[in-house]
Amino acid sequence: MKPILQYIIITLLLALASGCTEEGGTPMDTVDRVDLERFMGDWYVIANIPTFVEKGAYNPVESYALNEDGTIATTFTFHQDGFDGPVKTYHPTGFVRDTQTNALWGMQFIWPFKADYRIVWLEPDYSITVIARAKRDYLWIMARKPEIPADKYDEILAFVGELGYDTSKIEKKPQRWPG
């Protein structure tokens, strides 16, 4: 292997390893327990701190299906830059990292890299969830319906602010569905 390629690989691995630690040493708790079968299905992205892929997303929906091997087939779909924009679809794979709680996952878009994915809020009826990351760089507020009550949204914003997120970076996602 050429020295420059080795350097690049080592640099990437070190960057990933540092990205898996708690930011600033402050732990981020997940919910106590997630029933994976109940968690599966469609989740409308109500708001997020978007990754570069999600910028300009309209009607974003994240869908989960439990595979026989325990991995989670994920489909992320949205319209780019408008309700009539082109449909974009991504298929990352989820991996449960903590099988005692099922609330700490790795999400893999490109092998071998798995992004930190923490279920930090889950309504008892599985109607609303919040997915966070230890680095406090990205965040997803999702629900089973395309909107949530304003007071619940405000409660979630206060909660994620207490987790250490800059809530001014959270963007509501346009959701408009027929009937």
C-alpha atoms as a PDB file:
ATOM      1  CA  MET A   1       0.000   0.000   0.000  1.00  0.00           C
ATOM      2  CA  LYS A   2       1.367   3.422  -0.901  1.00  0.00           C
ATOM      3  CA  PRO A   3       2.338   5.646   2.048  1.00  0.00           C
ATOM      4  CA  ILE A   4      -0.088   8.432   1.067  1.00  0.00           C
ATOM      5  CA  LEU A   5      -3.016   5.989   0.936  1.00  0.00           C
ATOM      6  CA  GLN A   6      -2.022   4.578   4.334  1.00  0.00           C
ATOM      7  CA  TYR A   7      -1.894   8.116   5.731  1.00  0.00           C
ATOM      8  CA  ILE A   8      -5.375   8.906   4.388  1.00  0.00           C
ATOM      9  CA  ILE A   9      -6.842   5.704   5.817  1.00  0.00           C
ATOM     10  CA  ILE A  10      -5.255   6.237   9.235  1.00  0.00           C
ATOM     11  CA  THR A  11      -6.413   9.872   9.290  1.00  0.00           C
ATOM     12  CA  LEU A  12      -9.984   8.827   8.457  1.00  0.00           C
ATOM     13  CA  LEU A  13      -9.986   6.131  11.122  1.00  0.00           C
ATOM     14  CA  LEU A  14      -8.673   8.538  13.765  1.00  0.00           C
ATOM     15  CA  ALA A  15     -11.279  11.115  12.810  1.00  0.00           C
ATOM     16  CA  LEU A  16     -14.010   8.500  13.114  1.00  0.00           C
ATOM     17  CA  ALA A  17     -12.729   7.268  16.453  1.00  0.00           C
ATOM     18  CA  SER A  18     -12.760  10.777  17.882  1.00  0.00           C
ATOM     19  CA  GLY A  19     -16.242  11.316  16.505  1.00  0.00           C
ATOM     20  CA  CYS A  20     -17.584   8.401  18.537  1.00  0.00           C
ATOM     21  CA  THR A  21     -16.739   9.960  21.893  1.00  0.00           C
ATOM     22  CA  GLU A  22     -18.995  12.182  23.927  1.00  0.00           C
ATOM     23  CA  GLU A  23     -18.470  15.826  23.011  1.00  0.00           C
ATOM     24  CA  GLY A  24     -16.728  17.692  25.790  1.00  0.00           C
ATOM     25  CA  GLY A  25     -16.926  14.611  27.981  1.00  0.00           C
ATOM     26  CA  THR A  26     -20.612  15.281  28.699  1.00  0.00           C
ATOM     27  CA  PRO A  27     -22.601  12.052  28.397  1.00  0.00           C
ATOM     28  CA  MET A  28     -25.844  11.931  26.447  1.00  0.00           C
ATOM     29  CA  ASP A  29     -28.360   9.459  27.793  1.00  0.00           C
ATOM     30  CA  THR A  30     -30.693   7.566  25.526  1.00  0.00           C
ATOM     31  CA  VAL A  31     -34.221   6.505  26.416  1.00  0.00           C
ATOM     32  CA  ASP A  32     -34.401   3.496  28.747  1.00  0.00           C
ATOM     33  CA  ARG A  33     -35.790   1.027  26.222  1.00  0.00           C
ATOM     34  CA  VAL A  34     -36.958   0.894  22.610  1.00  0.00           C
ATOM     35  CA  ASP A  35     -39.254  -1.851  21.368  1.00  0.00           C
ATOM     36  CA  LEU A  36     -37.716  -2.198  17.904  1.00  0.00           C
ATOM     37  CA  GLU A  37     -40.827  -3.689  16.310  1.00  0.00           C
ATOM     38  CA  ARG A  38     -42.938  -0.743  17.517  1.00  0.00           C
ATOM     39  CA  PHE A  39     -40.276   1.717  16.360  1.00  0.00           C
ATOM     40  CA  MET A  40     -40.288   0.358  12.801  1.00  0.00           C
ATOM     41  CA  GLY A  41     -42.333   2.102  10.126  1.00  0.00           C
ATOM     42  CA  ASP A  42     -42.613   5.624   8.784  1.00  0.00           C
ATOM     43  CA  TRP A  43     -41.442   8.744  10.637  1.00  0.00           C
ATOM     44  CA  TYR A  44     -42.056  12.229   9.251  1.00  0.00           C
ATOM     45  CA  VAL A  45     -39.091  14.529   9.829  1.00  0.00           C
ATOM     46  CA  ILE A  46     -40.669  17.504  11.597  1.00  0.00           C
ATOM     47  CA  ALA A  47     -37.430  19.416  12.160  1.00  0.00           C
ATOM     48  CA  ASN A  48     -33.709  18.791  12.149  1.00  0.00           C
ATOM     49  CA  ILE A  49     -30.227  20.144  12.083  1.00  0.00           C
ATOM     50  CA  PRO A  50     -29.708  18.956   8.531  1.00  0.00           C
ATOM     51  CA  THR A  51     -26.762  17.108   7.079  1.00  0.00           C
ATOM     52  CA  PHE A  52     -25.585  18.307   3.654  1.00  0.00           C
ATOM     53  CA  VAL A  53     -27.822  15.663   2.038  1.00  0.00           C
ATOM     54  CA  GLU A  54     -30.960  17.004   3.761  1.00  0.00           C
ATOM     55  CA  LYS A  55     -30.640  20.673   2.885  1.00  0.00           C
ATOM     56  CA  GLY A  56     -33.680  21.775   0.897  1.00  0.00           C
ATOM     57  CA  ALA A  57     -35.720  18.683   1.864  1.00  0.00           C
ATOM     58  CA  TYR A  58     -39.514  18.866   1.532  1.00  0.00           C
ATOM     59  CA  ASN A  59     -41.796  16.095   2.846  1.00  0.00           C
ATOM     60  CA  PRO A  60     -38.886  14.153   4.355  1.00  0.00           C
ATOM     61  CA  VAL A  61     -39.777  10.705   5.674  1.00  0.00           C
ATOM     62  CA  GLU A  62     -37.512   8.147   7.341  1.00  0.00           C
ATOM     63  CA  SER A  63     -38.766   4.546   7.222  1.00  0.00           C
ATOM     64  CA  TYR A  64     -37.386   1.603   9.173  1.00  0.00           C
ATOM     65  CA  ALA A  65     -37.820  -2.147   8.701  1.00  0.00           C
ATOM     66  CA  LEU A  66     -36.230  -4.798  10.894  1.00  0.00           C
ATOM     67  CA  ASN A  67     -34.188  -7.322   8.919  1.00  0.00           C
ATOM     68  CA  GLU A  68     -33.928 -10.985   9.939  1.00  0.00           C
ATOM     69  CA  ASP A  69     -30.261 -10.476  10.878  1.00  0.00           C
ATOM     70  CA  GLY A  70     -31.164  -7.691  13.341  1.00  0.00           C
ATOM     71  CA  THR A  71     -30.037  -4.821  11.134  1.00  0.00           C
ATOM     72  CA  ILE A  72     -32.453  -2.056  10.247  1.00  0.00           C
ATOM     73  CA  ALA A  73     -33.247  -1.363   6.610  1.00  0.00           C
ATOM     74  CA  THR A  74     -33.695   2.379   6.331  1.00  0.00           C
ATOM     75  CA  THR A  75     -35.226   4.412   3.537  1.00  0.00           C
ATOM     76  CA  PHE A  76     -34.939   8.193   3.649  1.00  0.00           C
ATOM     77  CA  THR A  77     -37.042   9.939   1.010  1.00  0.00           C
ATOM     78  CA  PHE A  78     -37.775  13.608   0.282  1.00  0.00           C
ATOM     79  CA  HIS A  79     -38.414  16.105  -2.488  1.00  0.00           C
ATOM     80  CA  GLN A  80     -35.443  18.362  -3.250  1.00  0.00           C
ATOM     81  CA  ASP A  81     -35.986  22.151  -3.001  1.00  0.00           C
ATOM     82  CA  GLY A  82     -39.794  22.082  -3.211  1.00  0.00           C
ATOM     83  CA  PHE A  83     -42.914  19.950  -2.908  1.00  0.00           C
ATOM     84  CA  ASP A  84     -42.727  19.312  -6.655  1.00  0.00           C
ATOM     85  CA  GLY A  85     -38.954  18.878  -6.704  1.00  0.00           C
ATOM     86  CA  PRO A  86     -37.215  15.678  -7.708  1.00  0.00           C
ATOM     87  CA  VAL A  87     -37.516  12.771  -5.302  1.00  0.00           C
ATOM     88  CA  LYS A  88     -34.306  11.801  -3.517  1.00  0.00           C
ATOM     89  CA  THR A  89     -34.000   8.426  -1.786  1.00  0.00           C
ATOM     90  CA  TYR A  90     -31.209   7.039   0.386  1.00  0.00           C
ATOM     91  CA  HIS A  91     -30.864   3.563   1.909  1.00  0.00           C
ATOM     92  CA  PRO A  92     -28.536   3.513   4.920  1.00  0.00           C
ATOM     93  CA  THR A  93     -28.461   0.516   7.233  1.00  0.00           C
ATOM     94  CA  GLY A  94     -28.962   0.752  10.978  1.00  0.00           C
ATOM     95  CA  PHE A  95     -27.108  -1.412  13.507  1.00  0.00           C
ATOM     96  CA  VAL A  96     -28.225  -1.665  17.123  1.00  0.00           C
ATOM     97  CA  ARG A  97     -25.125  -1.038  19.244  1.00  0.00           C
ATOM     98  CA  ASP A  98     -26.771  -1.433  22.662  1.00  0.00           C
ATOM     99  CA  THR A  99     -29.099  -4.442  22.659  1.00  0.00           C
ATOM    100  CA  GLN A 100     -30.129  -3.889  26.289  1.00  0.00           C
ATOM    101  CA  THR A 101     -31.878  -0.601  25.432  1.00  0.00           C
ATOM    102  CA  ASN A 102     -32.057  -0.758  21.602  1.00  0.00           C
ATOM    103  CA  ALA A 103     -31.678   3.047  21.787  1.00  0.00           C
ATOM    104  CA  LEU A 104     -28.084   3.399  20.592  1.00  0.00           C
ATOM    105  CA  TRP A 105     -27.518   2.658  16.924  1.00  0.00           C
ATOM    106  CA  GLY A 106     -24.897   3.053  14.272  1.00  0.00           C
ATOM    107  CA  MET A 107     -26.212   4.268  10.909  1.00  0.00           C
ATOM    108  CA  GLN A 108     -24.126   3.253   7.913  1.00  0.00           C
ATOM    109  CA  PHE A 109     -24.355   5.222   4.686  1.00  0.00           C
ATOM    110  CA  ILE A 110     -20.970   4.132   3.322  1.00  0.00           C
ATOM    111  CA  TRP A 111     -19.009   1.063   4.404  1.00  0.00           C
ATOM    112  CA  PRO A 112     -17.226   0.882   6.845  1.00  0.00           C
ATOM    113  CA  PHE A 113     -18.335   4.124   8.514  1.00  0.00           C
ATOM    114  CA  LYS A 114     -21.206   4.056  11.032  1.00  0.00           C
ATOM    115  CA  ALA A 115     -22.596   7.339  12.326  1.00  0.00           C
ATOM    116  CA  ASP A 116     -23.704   7.770  15.935  1.00  0.00           C
ATOM    117  CA  TYR A 117     -27.511   7.613  16.233  1.00  0.00           C
ATOM    118  CA  ARG A 118     -29.134   7.970  19.678  1.00  0.00           C
ATOM    119  CA  ILE A 119     -32.813   7.767  20.494  1.00  0.00           C
ATOM    120  CA  VAL A 120     -33.019  10.373  23.266  1.00  0.00           C
ATOM    121  CA  TRP A 121     -36.775  11.058  23.281  1.00  0.00           C
ATOM    122  CA  LEU A 122     -39.600   8.642  22.618  1.00  0.00           C
ATOM    123  CA  GLU A 123     -43.216   9.254  23.499  1.00  0.00           C
ATOM    124  CA  PRO A 124     -44.801   6.274  25.320  1.00  0.00           C
ATOM    125  CA  ASP A 125     -47.164   5.716  22.377  1.00  0.00           C
ATOM    126  CA  TYR A 126     -44.259   5.866  19.878  1.00  0.00           C
ATOM    127  CA  SER A 127     -45.780   8.921  18.182  1.00  0.00           C
ATOM    128  CA  ILE A 128     -42.782  11.277  18.474  1.00  0.00           C
ATOM    129  CA  THR A 129     -39.062  10.645  18.714  1.00  0.00           C
ATOM    130  CA  VAL A 130     -35.844  12.626  18.797  1.00  0.00           C
ATOM    131  CA  ILE A 131     -32.639  11.253  17.346  1.00  0.00           C
ATOM    132  CA  ALA A 132     -29.425  12.914  18.506  1.00  0.00           C
ATOM    133  CA  ARG A 133     -25.674  12.502  18.219  1.00  0.00           C
ATOM    134  CA  ALA A 134     -23.019  12.687  20.937  1.00  0.00           C
ATOM    135  CA  LYS A 135     -21.203  15.390  18.969  1.00  0.00           C
ATOM    136  CA  ARG A 136     -24.380  17.507  19.067  1.00  0.00           C
ATOM    137  CA  ASP A 137     -23.948  18.337  15.398  1.00  0.00           C
ATOM    138  CA  TYR A 138     -27.093  16.808  13.856  1.00  0.00           C
ATOM    139  CA  LEU A 139     -30.559  16.187  15.247  1.00  0.00           C
ATOM    140  CA  TRP A 140     -33.899  14.854  14.003  1.00  0.00           C
ATOM    141  CA  ILE A 141     -37.349  15.471  15.510  1.00  0.00           C
ATOM    142  CA  MET A 142     -39.691  12.944  13.945  1.00  0.00           C
ATOM    143  CA  ALA A 143     -43.320  11.918  14.309  1.00  0.00           C
ATOM    144  CA  ARG A 144     -45.783   9.389  12.972  1.00  0.00           C
ATOM    145  CA  LYS A 145     -47.867  12.265  11.579  1.00  0.00           C
ATOM    146  CA  PRO A 146     -46.577  15.189   9.472  1.00  0.00           C
ATOM    147  CA  GLU A 147     -47.047  17.688  12.300  1.00  0.00           C
ATOM    148  CA  ILE A 148     -46.914  17.871  16.078  1.00  0.00           C
ATOM    149  CA  PRO A 149     -48.594  20.289  18.515  1.00  0.00           C
ATOM    150  CA  ALA A 150     -46.702  23.567  19.017  1.00  0.00           C
ATOM    151  CA  ASP A 151     -46.446  23.066  22.792  1.00  0.00           C
ATOM    152  CA  LYS A 152     -44.882  19.598  22.302  1.00  0.00           C
ATOM    153  CA  TYR A 153     -42.418  21.059  19.777  1.00  0.00           C
ATOM    154  CA  ASP A 154     -41.450  23.786  22.272  1.00  0.00           C
ATOM    155  CA  GLU A 155     -41.010  21.157  25.006  1.00  0.00           C
ATOM    156  CA  ILE A 156     -38.690  19.164  22.735  1.00  0.00           C
ATOM    157  CA  LEU A 157     -36.677  22.277  21.838  1.00  0.00           C
ATOM    158  CA  ALA A 158     -36.163  23.007  25.548  1.00  0.00           C
ATOM    159  CA  PHE A 159     -35.114  19.380  26.107  1.00  0.00           C
ATOM    160  CA  VAL A 160     -32.526  19.324  23.310  1.00  0.00           C
ATOM    161  CA  GLY A 161     -31.231  22.704  24.459  1.00  0.00           C
ATOM    162  CA  GLU A 162     -30.575  21.106  27.850  1.00  0.00           C
ATOM    163  CA  LEU A 163     -28.684  18.328  26.032  1.00  0.00           C
ATOM    164  CA  GLY A 164     -26.280  20.974  24.742  1.00  0.00           C
ATOM    165  CA  TYR A 165     -27.665  21.604  21.263  1.00  0.00           C
ATOM    166  CA  ASP A 166     -27.734  25.054  19.712  1.00  0.00           C
ATOM    167  CA  THR A 167     -31.492  25.174  19.047  1.00  0.00           C
ATOM    168  CA  SER A 168     -31.097  28.114  16.640  1.00  0.00           C
ATOM    169  CA  LYS A 169     -29.700  25.589  14.130  1.00  0.00           C
ATOM    170  CA  ILE A 170     -32.865  23.468  14.152  1.00  0.00           C
ATOM    171  CA  GLU A 171     -34.931  23.913  10.987  1.00  0.00           C
ATOM    172  CA  LYS A 172     -38.582  22.968  10.620  1.00  0.00           C
ATOM    173  CA  LYS A 173     -39.115  20.821   7.554  1.00  0.00           C
ATOM    174  CA  PRO A 174     -41.948  21.598   5.150  1.00  0.00           C
ATOM    175  CA  GLN A 175     -44.556  18.832   5.242  1.00  0.00           C
ATOM    176  CA  ARG A 176     -47.637  18.908   2.976  1.00  0.00           C
ATOM    177  CA  TRP A 177     -49.588  15.754   2.255  1.00  0.00           C
ATOM    178  CA  PRO A 178     -52.911  15.203   0.514  1.00  0.00           C
ATOM    179  CA  GLY A 179     -56.047  14.812   2.599  1.00  0.00           C
END
